[in-house]
C-alpha atoms as a PDB file:
ATOM      1  CA  MET A   1     -49.573  27.440 181.103  1.00  0.00           C
ATOM      2  CA  THR A   2     -47.187  24.669 180.197  1.00  0.00           C
ATOM      3  CA  VAL A   3     -48.459  21.332 178.673  1.00  0.00           C
ATOM      4  CA  SER A   4     -46.344  18.309 179.363  1.00  0.00           C
ATOM      5  CA  LEU A   5     -45.621  15.949 176.431  1.00  0.00           C
ATOM      6  CA  GLY A   6     -43.873  13.363 178.469  1.00  0.00           C
ATOM      7  CA  ALA A   7     -44.839   9.696 179.182  1.00  0.00           C
ATOM      8  CA  PRO A   8     -48.496   8.976 179.990  1.00  0.00           C
ATOM      9  CA  SER A   9     -49.414   9.105 183.617  1.00  0.00           C
ATOM     10  CA  ARG A  10     -50.295   6.016 185.765  1.00  0.00           C
ATOM     11  CA  ALA A  11     -53.926   7.104 185.648  1.00  0.00           C
ATOM     12  CA  ASP A  12     -53.865   6.898 181.832  1.00  0.00           C
ATOM     13  CA  ASN A  13     -52.434   3.390 181.948  1.00  0.00           C
ATOM     14  CA  SER A  14     -55.064   2.282 184.381  1.00  0.00           C
ATOM     15  CA  LEU A  15     -57.830   3.414 181.974  1.00  0.00           C
ATOM     16  CA  SER A  16     -56.310   1.687 178.902  1.00  0.00           C
ATOM     17  CA  ALA A  17     -55.822  -1.746 180.540  1.00  0.00           C
ATOM     18  CA  PRO A  18     -59.560  -2.442 180.725  1.00  0.00           C
ATOM     19  CA  LEU A  19     -60.026  -1.482 177.167  1.00  0.00           C
ATOM     20  CA  ARG A  20     -57.244  -3.959 176.060  1.00  0.00           C
ATOM     21  CA  ALA A  21     -58.937  -6.732 178.105  1.00  0.00           C
ATOM     22  CA  ASP A  22     -62.261  -6.026 176.538  1.00  0.00           C
ATOM     23  CA  ASP A  23     -60.713  -6.190 173.056  1.00  0.00           C
ATOM     24  CA  ALA A  24     -59.126  -9.605 173.807  1.00  0.00           C
ATOM     25  CA  LEU A  25     -62.459 -10.879 175.140  1.00  0.00           C
ATOM     26  CA  LEU A  26     -64.238  -9.739 171.996  1.00  0.00           C
ATOM     27  CA  GLU A  27     -61.605 -11.525 169.759  1.00  0.00           C
ATOM     28  CA  GLN A  28     -62.162 -14.798 171.713  1.00  0.00           C
ATOM     29  CA  LEU A  29     -65.940 -14.577 171.336  1.00  0.00           C
ATOM     30  CA  ALA A  30     -65.588 -13.893 167.588  1.00  0.00           C
ATOM     31  CA  GLU A  31     -63.324 -16.952 167.183  1.00  0.00           C
ATOM     32  CA  ILE A  32     -65.823 -19.192 169.107  1.00  0.00           C
ATOM     33  CA  ALA A  33     -68.680 -17.917 166.900  1.00  0.00           C
ATOM     34  CA  SER A  34     -66.802 -18.568 163.747  1.00  0.00           C
ATOM     35  CA  THR A  35     -65.839 -22.123 164.917  1.00  0.00           C
ATOM     36  CA  GLU A  36     -69.480 -22.985 165.707  1.00  0.00           C
ATOM     37  CA  SER A  37     -70.575 -21.730 162.333  1.00  0.00           C
ATOM     38  CA  ARG A  38     -68.171 -24.142 160.693  1.00  0.00           C
ATOM     39  CA  GLY A  39     -69.566 -27.033 162.670  1.00  0.00           C
ATOM     40  CA  PRO A  40     -67.951 -29.190 165.344  1.00  0.00           C
ATOM     41  CA  VAL A  41     -64.301 -30.033 165.075  1.00  0.00           C
ATOM     42  CA  LEU A  42     -63.971 -33.872 164.575  1.00  0.00           C
ATOM     43  CA  PRO A  43     -60.838 -35.842 165.014  1.00  0.00           C
ATOM     44  CA  PRO A  44     -59.230 -36.997 161.744  1.00  0.00           C
ATOM     45  CA  SER A  45     -60.585 -40.261 160.525  1.00  0.00           C
ATOM     46  CA  PRO A  46     -58.096 -43.150 160.269  1.00  0.00           C
ATOM     47  CA  ALA A  47     -56.779 -43.860 156.826  1.00  0.00           C
ATOM     48  CA  PRO A  48     -58.508 -46.880 155.228  1.00  0.00           C
ATOM     49  CA  LYS A  49     -56.546 -50.070 155.202  1.00  0.00           C
ATOM     50  CA  SER A  50     -54.974 -50.831 151.857  1.00  0.00           C
ATOM     51  CA  PRO A  51     -55.742 -54.286 150.418  1.00  0.00           C
ATOM     52  CA  PRO A  52     -52.973 -56.851 150.743  1.00  0.00           C
ATOM     53  CA  ARG A  53     -50.562 -56.615 147.904  1.00  0.00           C
ATOM     54  CA  THR A  54     -50.530 -59.525 145.497  1.00  0.00           C
ATOM     55  CA  ASN A  55     -47.805 -60.873 143.241  1.00  0.00           C
ATOM     56  CA  ARG A  56     -49.395 -62.317 140.089  1.00  0.00           C
ATOM     57  CA  ARG A  57     -46.138 -63.809 138.784  1.00  0.00           C
ATOM     58  CA  LEU A  58     -45.497 -65.581 142.067  1.00  0.00           C
ATOM     59  CA  GLY A  59     -49.065 -66.845 142.004  1.00  0.00           C
ATOM     60  CA  ILE A  60     -48.755 -68.235 138.423  1.00  0.00           C
ATOM     61  CA  ALA A  61     -45.440 -69.981 139.286  1.00  0.00           C
ATOM     62  CA  ALA A  62     -46.900 -71.433 142.428  1.00  0.00           C
ATOM     63  CA  ILE A  63     -49.997 -72.910 140.786  1.00  0.00           C
ATOM     64  CA  VAL A  64     -47.960 -74.396 137.833  1.00  0.00           C
ATOM     65  CA  LEU A  65     -45.634 -76.112 140.275  1.00  0.00           C
ATOM     66  CA  SER A  66     -48.461 -77.203 142.552  1.00  0.00           C
ATOM     67  CA  ALA A  67     -50.568 -78.642 139.689  1.00  0.00           C
ATOM     68  CA  THR A  68     -47.629 -80.522 138.284  1.00  0.00           C
ATOM     69  CA  THR A  69     -46.841 -82.262 141.601  1.00  0.00           C
ATOM     70  CA  MET A  70     -50.510 -82.766 142.300  1.00  0.00           C
ATOM     71  CA  GLY A  71     -50.782 -84.500 138.982  1.00  0.00           C
ATOM     72  CA  ALA A  72     -48.357 -87.084 140.296  1.00  0.00           C
ATOM     73  CA  ALA A  73     -50.652 -87.940 143.223  1.00  0.00           C
ATOM     74  CA  GLY A  74     -52.309 -90.788 141.312  1.00  0.00           C
ATOM     75  CA  LEU A  75     -48.887 -92.317 140.592  1.00  0.00           C
ATOM     76  CA  PHE A  76     -47.796 -92.179 144.280  1.00  0.00           C
ATOM     77  CA  GLY A  77     -51.206 -93.309 145.457  1.00  0.00           C
ATOM     78  CA  ARG A  78     -51.404 -96.335 143.309  1.00  0.00           C
ATOM     79  CA  LYS A  79     -47.825 -97.393 144.082  1.00  0.00           C
ATOM     80  CA  ALA A  80     -48.439 -96.978 147.798  1.00  0.00           C
ATOM     81  CA  THR A  81     -51.638 -99.052 147.781  1.00  0.00           C
ATOM     82  CA  PRO A  82     -51.541-102.883 147.930  1.00  0.00           C
ATOM     83  CA  GLU A  83     -53.483-104.830 145.355  1.00  0.00           C
ATOM     84  CA  GLY A  84     -57.196-104.770 146.092  1.00  0.00           C
ATOM     85  CA  ALA A  85     -57.039-102.200 148.891  1.00  0.00           C
ATOM     86  CA  VAL A  86     -58.497 -98.689 148.985  1.00  0.00           C
ATOM     87  CA  LEU A  87     -56.461 -96.493 151.314  1.00  0.00           C
ATOM     88  CA  GLY A  88     -57.249 -92.951 150.145  1.00  0.00           C
ATOM     89  CA  GLU A  89     -58.343 -91.821 153.567  1.00  0.00           C
ATOM     90  CA  ALA A  90     -55.350 -93.257 155.363  1.00  0.00           C
ATOM     91  CA  LEU A  91     -52.806 -91.869 152.808  1.00  0.00           C
ATOM     92  CA  THR A  92     -54.488 -88.457 152.951  1.00  0.00           C
ATOM     93  CA  LEU A  93     -54.207 -88.420 156.708  1.00  0.00           C
ATOM     94  CA  GLY A  94     -50.425 -89.054 156.422  1.00  0.00           C
ATOM     95  CA  ARG A  95     -50.146 -86.511 153.697  1.00  0.00           C
ATOM     96  CA  MET A  96     -51.788 -83.824 155.859  1.00  0.00           C
ATOM     97  CA  ALA A  97     -49.955 -84.794 159.042  1.00  0.00           C
ATOM     98  CA  VAL A  98     -46.533 -84.652 157.393  1.00  0.00           C
ATOM     99  CA  GLY A  99     -47.396 -81.313 155.755  1.00  0.00           C
ATOM    100  CA  ALA A 100     -48.401 -79.876 159.129  1.00  0.00           C
ATOM    101  CA  ILE A 101     -45.221 -81.042 160.806  1.00  0.00           C
ATOM    102  CA  GLY A 102     -43.142 -79.644 157.947  1.00  0.00           C
ATOM    103  CA  MET A 103     -44.860 -76.258 158.022  1.00  0.00           C
ATOM    104  CA  LEU A 104     -44.420 -76.051 161.805  1.00  0.00           C
ATOM    105  CA  VAL A 105     -40.727 -76.758 161.478  1.00  0.00           C
ATOM    106  CA  LEU A 106     -40.310 -74.088 158.803  1.00  0.00           C
ATOM    107  CA  ILE A 107     -42.129 -71.485 160.901  1.00  0.00           C
ATOM    108  CA  ALA A 108     -40.044 -72.410 163.952  1.00  0.00           C
ATOM    109  CA  LEU A 109     -36.768 -72.101 161.966  1.00  0.00           C
ATOM    110  CA  SER A 110     -37.773 -68.614 160.738  1.00  0.00           C
ATOM    111  CA  ARG A 111     -38.485 -67.725 164.471  1.00  0.00           C
ATOM    112  CA  ARG A 112     -42.104 -66.743 163.764  1.00  0.00           C
ATOM    113  CA  LEU A 113     -43.968 -68.947 166.253  1.00  0.00           C
ATOM    114  CA  GLY A 114     -45.144 -65.776 167.941  1.00  0.00           C
ATOM    115  CA  GLN A 115     -46.900 -64.731 164.799  1.00  0.00           C
ATOM    116  CA  LEU A 116     -48.594 -68.079 164.691  1.00  0.00           C
ATOM    117  CA  ARG A 117     -50.039 -67.518 168.173  1.00  0.00           C
ATOM    118  CA  ARG A 118     -51.151 -64.025 167.298  1.00  0.00           C
ATOM    119  CA  THR A 119     -52.968 -64.988 164.095  1.00  0.00           C
ATOM    120  CA  ARG A 120     -56.635 -65.578 164.721  1.00  0.00           C
ATOM    121  CA  LEU A 121     -58.529 -68.368 163.021  1.00  0.00           C
ATOM    122  CA  SER A 122     -61.782 -67.865 161.051  1.00  0.00           C
ATOM    123  CA  TRP A 123     -64.385 -70.076 159.443  1.00  0.00           C
ATOM    124  CA  SER A 124     -62.677 -69.821 156.066  1.00  0.00           C
ATOM    125  CA  VAL A 125     -59.377 -71.169 157.443  1.00  0.00           C
ATOM    126  CA  VAL A 126     -61.031 -74.095 159.167  1.00  0.00           C
ATOM    127  CA  GLY A 127     -63.332 -74.807 156.293  1.00  0.00           C
ATOM    128  CA  GLY A 128     -60.579 -74.637 153.665  1.00  0.00           C
ATOM    129  CA  GLY A 129     -58.572 -77.323 155.443  1.00  0.00           C
ATOM    130  CA  VAL A 130     -61.520 -79.631 156.142  1.00  0.00           C
ATOM    131  CA  LEU A 131     -62.829 -79.399 152.602  1.00  0.00           C
ATOM    132  CA  LEU A 132     -59.447 -80.023 151.131  1.00  0.00           C
ATOM    133  CA  GLY A 133     -58.919 -83.046 153.344  1.00  0.00           C
ATOM    134  CA  LEU A 134     -62.261 -84.482 152.219  1.00  0.00           C
ATOM    135  CA  SER A 135     -61.508 -83.689 148.558  1.00  0.00           C
ATOM    136  CA  LEU A 136     -58.093 -85.340 148.465  1.00  0.00           C
ATOM    137  CA  ALA A 137     -59.256 -88.447 150.341  1.00  0.00           C
ATOM    138  CA  THR A 138     -62.110 -89.082 147.870  1.00  0.00           C
ATOM    139  CA  TYR A 139     -59.944 -88.241 144.891  1.00  0.00           C
ATOM    140  CA  LEU A 140     -57.223 -90.647 145.878  1.00  0.00           C
ATOM    141  CA  SER A 141     -59.721 -93.487 146.356  1.00  0.00           C
ATOM    142  CA  ALA A 142     -61.154 -92.654 142.908  1.00  0.00           C
ATOM    143  CA  THR A 143     -57.738 -93.059 141.281  1.00  0.00           C
ATOM    144  CA  VAL A 144     -57.588 -96.660 142.483  1.00  0.00           C
ATOM    145  CA  LEU A 145     -61.166 -97.530 141.436  1.00  0.00           C
ATOM    146  CA  THR A 146     -61.247 -95.946 137.956  1.00  0.00           C
ATOM    147  CA  ASP A 147     -58.889 -94.661 135.219  1.00  0.00           C
ATOM    148  CA  LEU A 148     -56.503 -91.987 136.454  1.00  0.00           C
ATOM    149  CA  SER A 149     -57.485 -89.610 133.704  1.00  0.00           C
ATOM    150  CA  ARG A 150     -61.254 -89.951 134.614  1.00  0.00           C
ATOM    151  CA  ALA A 151     -60.571 -89.499 138.382  1.00  0.00           C
ATOM    152  CA  VAL A 152     -58.490 -86.282 137.833  1.00  0.00           C
ATOM    153  CA  VAL A 153     -60.999 -84.822 135.429  1.00  0.00           C
ATOM    154  CA  LEU A 154     -63.898 -85.311 137.872  1.00  0.00           C
ATOM    155  CA  HIS A 155     -61.675 -83.832 140.611  1.00  0.00           C
ATOM    156  CA  TYR A 156     -61.156 -80.778 138.454  1.00  0.00           C
ATOM    157  CA  LEU A 157     -64.780 -79.920 138.399  1.00  0.00           C
ATOM    158  CA  GLY A 158     -63.552 -77.992 141.468  1.00  0.00           C
ATOM    159  CA  PRO A 159     -62.156 -74.911 139.672  1.00  0.00           C
ATOM    160  CA  VAL A 160     -65.417 -74.511 137.738  1.00  0.00           C
ATOM    161  CA  VAL A 161     -67.343 -74.747 141.017  1.00  0.00           C
ATOM    162  CA  ALA A 162     -64.930 -72.298 142.664  1.00  0.00           C
ATOM    163  CA  THR A 163     -65.377 -69.760 139.880  1.00  0.00           C
ATOM    164  CA  ALA A 164     -69.115 -69.921 140.082  1.00  0.00           C
ATOM    165  CA  LEU A 165     -69.103 -69.609 143.904  1.00  0.00           C
ATOM    166  CA  ALA A 166     -66.624 -66.625 143.733  1.00  0.00           C
ATOM    167  CA  ARG A 167     -68.972 -64.895 141.353  1.00  0.00           C
ATOM    168  CA  VAL A 168     -71.875 -65.268 143.845  1.00  0.00           C
ATOM    169  CA  PHE A 169     -70.129 -64.722 147.232  1.00  0.00           C
ATOM    170  CA  LEU A 170     -67.122 -62.499 146.341  1.00  0.00           C
ATOM    171  CA  LYS A 171     -68.716 -60.609 143.393  1.00  0.00           C
ATOM    172  CA  GLU A 172     -65.623 -61.453 141.301  1.00  0.00           C
ATOM    173  CA  ARG A 173     -66.251 -60.458 137.768  1.00  0.00           C
ATOM    174  CA  VAL A 174     -65.652 -63.268 135.267  1.00  0.00           C
ATOM    175  CA  GLY A 175     -64.310 -61.557 132.141  1.00  0.00           C
ATOM    176  CA  ARG A 176     -64.562 -62.789 128.639  1.00  0.00           C
ATOM    177  CA  LEU A 177     -60.984 -64.100 128.745  1.00  0.00           C
ATOM    178  CA  ASP A 178     -61.632 -65.847 132.008  1.00  0.00           C
ATOM    179  CA  ALA A 179     -64.784 -67.496 130.795  1.00  0.00           C
ATOM    180  CA  LEU A 180     -63.073 -68.581 127.560  1.00  0.00           C
ATOM    181  CA  SER A 181     -60.209 -70.134 129.585  1.00  0.00           C
ATOM    182  CA  ILE A 182     -62.481 -72.057 131.862  1.00  0.00           C
ATOM    183  CA  GLY A 183     -64.790 -73.194 129.045  1.00  0.00           C
ATOM    184  CA  THR A 184     -61.874 -74.364 126.914  1.00  0.00           C
ATOM    185  CA  ALA A 185     -60.237 -76.185 129.784  1.00  0.00           C
ATOM    186  CA  PHE A 186     -63.558 -77.884 130.667  1.00  0.00           C
ATOM    187  CA  ALA A 187     -64.092 -78.995 127.052  1.00  0.00           C
ATOM    188  CA  GLY A 188     -60.545 -80.305 126.920  1.00  0.00           C
ATOM    189  CA  MET A 189     -61.056 -82.077 130.143  1.00  0.00           C
ATOM    190  CA  LEU A 190     -64.125 -83.976 128.906  1.00  0.00           C
ATOM    191  CA  LEU A 191     -62.222 -85.092 125.868  1.00  0.00           C
ATOM    192  CA  ALA A 192     -59.021 -86.035 127.759  1.00  0.00           C
ATOM    193  CA  ALA A 193     -60.990 -88.250 130.142  1.00  0.00           C
ATOM    194  CA  GLY A 194     -62.911 -90.015 127.397  1.00  0.00           C
ATOM    195  CA  LEU A 195     -66.230 -88.754 128.712  1.00  0.00           C
ATOM    196  CA  VAL A 196     -66.982 -87.681 125.170  1.00  0.00           C
ATOM    197  CA  GLY A 197     -66.459 -90.169 122.457  1.00  0.00           C
ATOM    198  CA  GLY A 198     -64.906 -92.716 124.891  1.00  0.00           C
ATOM    199  CA  GLU A 199     -65.983 -96.064 126.125  1.00  0.00           C
ATOM    200  CA  SER A 200     -66.824 -97.128 129.691  1.00  0.00           C
ATOM    201  CA  SER A 201     -66.751-100.535 131.129  1.00  0.00           C
ATOM    202  CA  GLY A 202     -69.538 -99.592 133.604  1.00  0.00           C
ATOM    203  CA  GLY A 203     -68.320-101.967 136.300  1.00  0.00           C
ATOM    204  CA  GLU A 204     -69.220-101.562 139.992  1.00  0.00           C
ATOM    205  CA  HIS A 205     -65.790-100.249 140.924  1.00  0.00           C
ATOM    206  CA  GLU A 206     -65.701 -97.751 138.151  1.00  0.00           C
ATOM    207  CA  THR A 207     -69.182 -96.400 139.139  1.00  0.00           C
ATOM    208  CA  LEU A 208     -67.988 -95.960 142.743  1.00  0.00           C
ATOM    209  CA  GLY A 209     -64.803 -94.335 141.502  1.00  0.00           C
ATOM    210  CA  THR A 210     -66.858 -91.923 139.322  1.00  0.00           C
ATOM    211  CA  VAL A 211     -69.016 -90.912 142.320  1.00  0.00           C
ATOM    212  CA  LEU A 212     -66.041 -90.379 144.525  1.00  0.00           C
ATOM    213  CA  GLY A 213     -64.303 -88.357 141.815  1.00  0.00           C
ATOM    214  CA  ALA A 214     -67.258 -86.084 141.371  1.00  0.00           C
ATOM    215  CA  ALA A 215     -67.518 -85.665 145.191  1.00  0.00           C
ATOM    216  CA  SER A 216     -63.832 -84.690 145.292  1.00  0.00           C
ATOM    217  CA  GLY A 217     -64.456 -82.051 142.643  1.00  0.00           C
ATOM    218  CA  VAL A 218     -67.214 -80.406 144.723  1.00  0.00           C
ATOM    219  CA  PHE A 219     -65.137 -80.417 147.901  1.00  0.00           C
ATOM    220  CA  TYR A 220     -62.127 -79.048 146.013  1.00  0.00           C
ATOM    221  CA  GLY A 221     -64.168 -76.121 144.551  1.00  0.00           C
ATOM    222  CA  ALA A 222     -65.447 -75.142 147.946  1.00  0.00           C
ATOM    223  CA  ALA A 223     -61.871 -75.304 149.414  1.00  0.00           C
ATOM    224  CA  LEU A 224     -60.591 -73.081 146.549  1.00  0.00           C
ATOM    225  CA  LEU A 225     -63.279 -70.500 147.396  1.00  0.00           C
ATOM    226  CA  CYS A 226     -62.216 -70.523 151.056  1.00  0.00           C
ATOM    227  CA  TYR A 227     -58.644 -69.654 150.028  1.00  0.00           C
ATOM    228  CA  ARG A 228     -59.952 -66.324 148.579  1.00  0.00           C
ATOM    229  CA  TYR A 229     -60.757 -65.220 152.104  1.00  0.00           C
ATOM    230  CA  ARG A 230     -58.251 -64.116 154.774  1.00  0.00           C
ATOM    231  CA  THR A 231     -55.545 -63.188 152.187  1.00  0.00           C
ATOM    232  CA  ASP A 232     -54.045 -61.100 155.076  1.00  0.00           C
ATOM    233  CA  MET A 233     -52.784 -64.315 156.679  1.00  0.00           C
ATOM    234  CA  PRO A 234     -49.153 -65.292 155.918  1.00  0.00           C
ATOM    235  CA  SER A 235     -48.988 -68.172 153.480  1.00  0.00           C
ATOM    236  CA  ASP A 236     -47.008 -70.496 155.705  1.00  0.00           C
ATOM    237  CA  VAL A 237     -49.314 -69.883 158.644  1.00  0.00           C
ATOM    238  CA  ARG A 238     -52.346 -70.536 156.436  1.00  0.00           C
ATOM    239  CA  SER A 239     -50.682 -73.692 155.019  1.00  0.00           C
ATOM    240  CA  LEU A 240     -50.065 -75.000 158.593  1.00  0.00           C
ATOM    241  CA  TRP A 241     -53.703 -74.608 159.607  1.00  0.00           C
ATOM    242  CA  ASN A 242     -54.779 -75.972 156.206  1.00  0.00           C
ATOM    243  CA  PHE A 243     -52.846 -79.180 156.914  1.00  0.00           C
ATOM    244  CA  VAL A 244     -53.983 -79.408 160.508  1.00  0.00           C
ATOM    245  CA  PHE A 245     -57.713 -79.222 159.684  1.00  0.00           C
ATOM    246  CA  GLY A 246     -57.285 -81.362 156.600  1.00  0.00           C
ATOM    247  CA  ALA A 247     -55.742 -84.055 158.887  1.00  0.00           C
ATOM    248  CA  VAL A 248     -58.680 -83.748 161.207  1.00  0.00           C
ATOM    249  CA  ALA A 249     -61.183 -84.350 158.319  1.00  0.00           C
ATOM    250  CA  ALA A 250     -59.090 -87.262 157.000  1.00  0.00           C
ATOM    251  CA  GLY A 251     -58.742 -88.740 160.436  1.00  0.00           C
ATOM    252  CA  GLY A 252     -62.519 -88.664 160.770  1.00  0.00           C
ATOM    253  CA  MET A 253     -62.865 -90.556 157.564  1.00  0.00           C
ATOM    254  CA  VAL A 254     -60.276 -93.117 158.717  1.00  0.00           C
ATOM    255  CA  ALA A 255     -62.254 -93.646 161.874  1.00  0.00           C
ATOM    256  CA  VAL A 256     -65.367 -94.398 159.884  1.00  0.00           C
ATOM    257  CA  THR A 257     -64.006 -96.530 157.071  1.00  0.00           C
ATOM    258  CA  ARG A 258     -61.259 -98.287 159.066  1.00  0.00           C
ATOM    259  CA  PRO A 259     -59.071 -99.143 156.066  1.00  0.00           C
ATOM    260  CA  ASP A 260     -57.001-102.360 156.117  1.00  0.00           C
ATOM    261  CA  MET A 261     -53.241-101.437 155.869  1.00  0.00           C
ATOM    262  CA  SER A 262     -51.877-104.866 156.880  1.00  0.00           C
ATOM    263  CA  GLY A 263     -50.842-105.652 153.295  1.00  0.00           C
ATOM    264  CA  MET A 264     -48.490-102.706 152.926  1.00  0.00           C
ATOM    265  CA  THR A 265     -44.939-103.702 152.037  1.00  0.00           C
ATOM    266  CA  ALA A 266     -41.647-101.699 152.418  1.00  0.00           C
ATOM    267  CA  THR A 267     -42.054-100.568 148.850  1.00  0.00           C
ATOM    268  CA  ASN A 268     -45.588 -99.391 149.548  1.00  0.00           C
ATOM    269  CA  TRP A 269     -44.387 -97.388 152.519  1.00  0.00           C
ATOM    270  CA  LEU A 270     -41.544 -95.876 150.510  1.00  0.00           C
ATOM    271  CA  TRP A 271     -43.999 -94.620 147.880  1.00  0.00           C
ATOM    272  CA  ALA A 272     -46.270 -93.414 150.637  1.00  0.00           C
ATOM    273  CA  GLY A 273     -43.452 -91.328 152.235  1.00  0.00           C
ATOM    274  CA  GLY A 274     -42.749 -89.699 148.839  1.00  0.00           C
ATOM    275  CA  PHE A 275     -46.434 -89.040 148.496  1.00  0.00           C
ATOM    276  CA  PHE A 276     -46.595 -87.311 151.864  1.00  0.00           C
ATOM    277  CA  VAL A 277     -43.771 -84.892 151.014  1.00  0.00           C
ATOM    278  CA  VAL A 278     -44.022 -84.275 147.316  1.00  0.00           C
ATOM    279  CA  CYS A 279     -47.791 -84.194 146.991  1.00  0.00           C
ATOM    280  CA  GLY A 280     -48.486 -82.965 150.481  1.00  0.00           C
ATOM    281  CA  LEU A 281     -46.036 -80.456 151.933  1.00  0.00           C
ATOM    282  CA  PHE A 282     -44.819 -79.213 148.600  1.00  0.00           C
ATOM    283  CA  ALA A 283     -47.864 -79.226 146.321  1.00  0.00           C
ATOM    284  CA  LEU A 284     -50.427 -78.099 148.877  1.00  0.00           C
ATOM    285  CA  GLY A 285     -48.252 -75.426 150.375  1.00  0.00           C
ATOM    286  CA  LEU A 286     -47.812 -73.902 146.959  1.00  0.00           C
ATOM    287  CA  LEU A 287     -51.563 -74.151 146.309  1.00  0.00           C
ATOM    288  CA  VAL A 288     -52.190 -71.801 149.284  1.00  0.00           C
ATOM    289  CA  VAL A 289     -49.574 -69.319 147.946  1.00  0.00           C
ATOM    290  CA  ALA A 290     -51.330 -69.361 144.594  1.00  0.00           C
ATOM    291  CA  GLY A 291     -54.750 -68.834 146.153  1.00  0.00           C
ATOM    292  CA  LYS A 292     -53.453 -65.746 147.936  1.00  0.00           C
ATOM    293  CA  HIS A 293     -52.130 -64.028 144.798  1.00  0.00           C
ATOM    294  CA  LEU A 294     -54.555 -65.068 141.977  1.00  0.00           C
ATOM    295  CA  ARG A 295     -58.241 -64.571 141.306  1.00  0.00           C
ATOM    296  CA  ALA A 296     -60.409 -67.620 141.262  1.00  0.00           C
ATOM    297  CA  ALA A 297     -60.765 -67.610 137.422  1.00  0.00           C
ATOM    298  CA  GLU A 298     -56.984 -67.400 137.038  1.00  0.00           C
ATOM    299  CA  LEU A 299     -56.433 -70.159 139.592  1.00  0.00           C
ATOM    300  CA  SER A 300     -59.027 -72.295 137.892  1.00  0.00           C
ATOM    301  CA  GLY A 301     -57.538 -72.064 134.388  1.00  0.00           C
ATOM    302  CA  LEU A 302     -53.957 -72.686 135.412  1.00  0.00           C
ATOM    303  CA  SER A 303     -54.743 -75.541 137.734  1.00  0.00           C
ATOM    304  CA  TYR A 304     -55.954 -77.695 134.906  1.00  0.00           C
ATOM    305  CA  LEU A 305     -52.324 -78.470 134.202  1.00  0.00           C
ATOM    306  CA  GLU A 306     -52.806 -81.388 136.610  1.00  0.00           C
ATOM    307  CA  VAL A 307     -55.074 -83.099 134.095  1.00  0.00           C
ATOM    308  CA  VAL A 308     -52.396 -83.066 131.445  1.00  0.00           C
ATOM    309  CA  VAL A 309     -49.736 -84.421 133.886  1.00  0.00           C
ATOM    310  CA  ALA A 310     -52.057 -87.202 135.145  1.00  0.00           C
ATOM    311  CA  LEU A 311     -52.888 -88.109 131.538  1.00  0.00           C
ATOM    312  CA  MET A 312     -49.268 -88.484 130.692  1.00  0.00           C
ATOM    313  CA  ILE A 313     -48.503 -90.467 133.833  1.00  0.00           C
ATOM    314  CA  GLY A 314     -51.410 -92.832 133.136  1.00  0.00           C
ATOM    315  CA  VAL A 315     -49.894 -93.482 129.638  1.00  0.00           C
ATOM    316  CA  VAL A 316     -46.325 -93.967 130.731  1.00  0.00           C
ATOM    317  CA  ALA A 317     -46.710 -95.714 134.043  1.00  0.00           C
ATOM    318  CA  PHE A 318     -49.879 -97.634 133.599  1.00  0.00           C
ATOM    319  CA  GLY A 319     -50.310 -98.119 129.916  1.00  0.00           C
ATOM    320  CA  GLU A 320     -53.651 -96.283 129.685  1.00  0.00           C
ATOM    321  CA  SER A 321     -54.588 -95.617 126.080  1.00  0.00           C
ATOM    322  CA  VAL A 322     -54.842 -92.124 124.661  1.00  0.00           C
ATOM    323  CA  THR A 323     -57.244 -91.594 121.730  1.00  0.00           C
ATOM    324  CA  VAL A 324     -56.993 -88.810 119.253  1.00  0.00           C
ATOM    325  CA  LEU A 325     -59.843 -86.964 121.067  1.00  0.00           C
ATOM    326  CA  ALA A 326     -57.986 -87.288 124.367  1.00  0.00           C
ATOM    327  CA  ALA A 327     -54.843 -85.822 122.799  1.00  0.00           C
ATOM    328  CA  ALA A 328     -56.897 -82.971 121.423  1.00  0.00           C
ATOM    329  CA  GLY A 329     -58.444 -82.376 124.826  1.00  0.00           C
ATOM    330  CA  ALA A 330     -54.904 -82.169 126.394  1.00  0.00           C
ATOM    331  CA  GLY A 331     -54.026 -79.530 123.771  1.00  0.00           C
ATOM    332  CA  LEU A 332     -57.151 -77.473 124.559  1.00  0.00           C
ATOM    333  CA  ILE A 333     -56.181 -77.568 128.256  1.00  0.00           C
ATOM    334  CA  VAL A 334     -52.714 -76.203 127.466  1.00  0.00           C
ATOM    335  CA  VAL A 335     -54.301 -73.361 125.479  1.00  0.00           C
ATOM    336  CA  ALA A 336     -56.723 -72.628 128.375  1.00  0.00           C
ATOM    337  CA  MET A 337     -53.809 -72.433 130.817  1.00  0.00           C
ATOM    338  CA  ALA A 338     -52.124 -69.682 128.690  1.00  0.00           C
ATOM    339  CA  LEU A 339     -55.262 -67.525 128.386  1.00  0.00           C
ATOM    340  CA  PRO A 340     -55.277 -66.094 131.982  1.00  0.00           C
ATOM    341  CA  MET A 341     -51.660 -64.940 131.534  1.00  0.00           C
ATOM    342  CA  LEU A 342     -52.686 -62.772 128.568  1.00  0.00           C
ATOM    343  CA  GLY A 343     -55.281 -60.749 130.485  1.00  0.00           C
ATOM    344  CA  ARG A 344     -54.679 -58.006 133.009  1.00  0.00           C
ATOM    345  CA  ARG A 345     -55.692 -58.281 136.573  1.00  0.00           C
END
């Protein structure tokens, strides 16, 4: 009998096909079982957003320039105010309005109006502008009613208030170097203003000026805290809204106080125009840039440069006396300014 070793018959193929199908089914069932043992398959989670990048050198340069030009606000404010008038609210309204127009022009020239429309507002943006407007209006009135050095020192209670508030609300750690910087600047501030070892005339105008100066410091500190929020917003867009809501706050004060501007001469208006541009658009725009790139403690220490600038202007332009203690206080402020630059972020 002959056995054929040729190709398998059609019957053999028909028997092996069901076996191959069963093997494939078993493999699929095994894969499903192993997947269930590992747990459900979840879609990949989105990568966490990285915090906005900061440039500490840019922040330091911005706050130094801002504080220097802010220190000249008393000079421009006094020169723009007629004798016997108090126009802090009206001058601040012009300062904020010109700043808003200037920022809008810069954004339009850079063809970024679309970004302005897409950027959403928040409570910190609105609050920062309103608080800054109130702060600058009360401060400018204080410079007319009391010594320039005293007004600026009371205004610069703000950075101390901002640092304390940032510790509470933002949980920012105040390191030893930061605390030393703020404490040194505050001590120098008291000496430079004559609040320690100085004499006070105690007149009615000076008392009102002191109260307004202290109020400006509290408003300023709250505004600086607001700048620590929404660091994702572009600096020029933030500056625009800062000016807009600052103008709203100053306009409200003008509506209440109704300052008499009938005595302003051409010279007064010229100084007022310089005040609007130098101490408004330039100084306050740079302040927002600094707030975006520096911690509250660093911003506080460096911003005290304004006290030194105002002290020097008071001596040169208005003949205000400087005692040995005041000069020592100015030196302490300079030392305090350098301390934040020595520490790491």
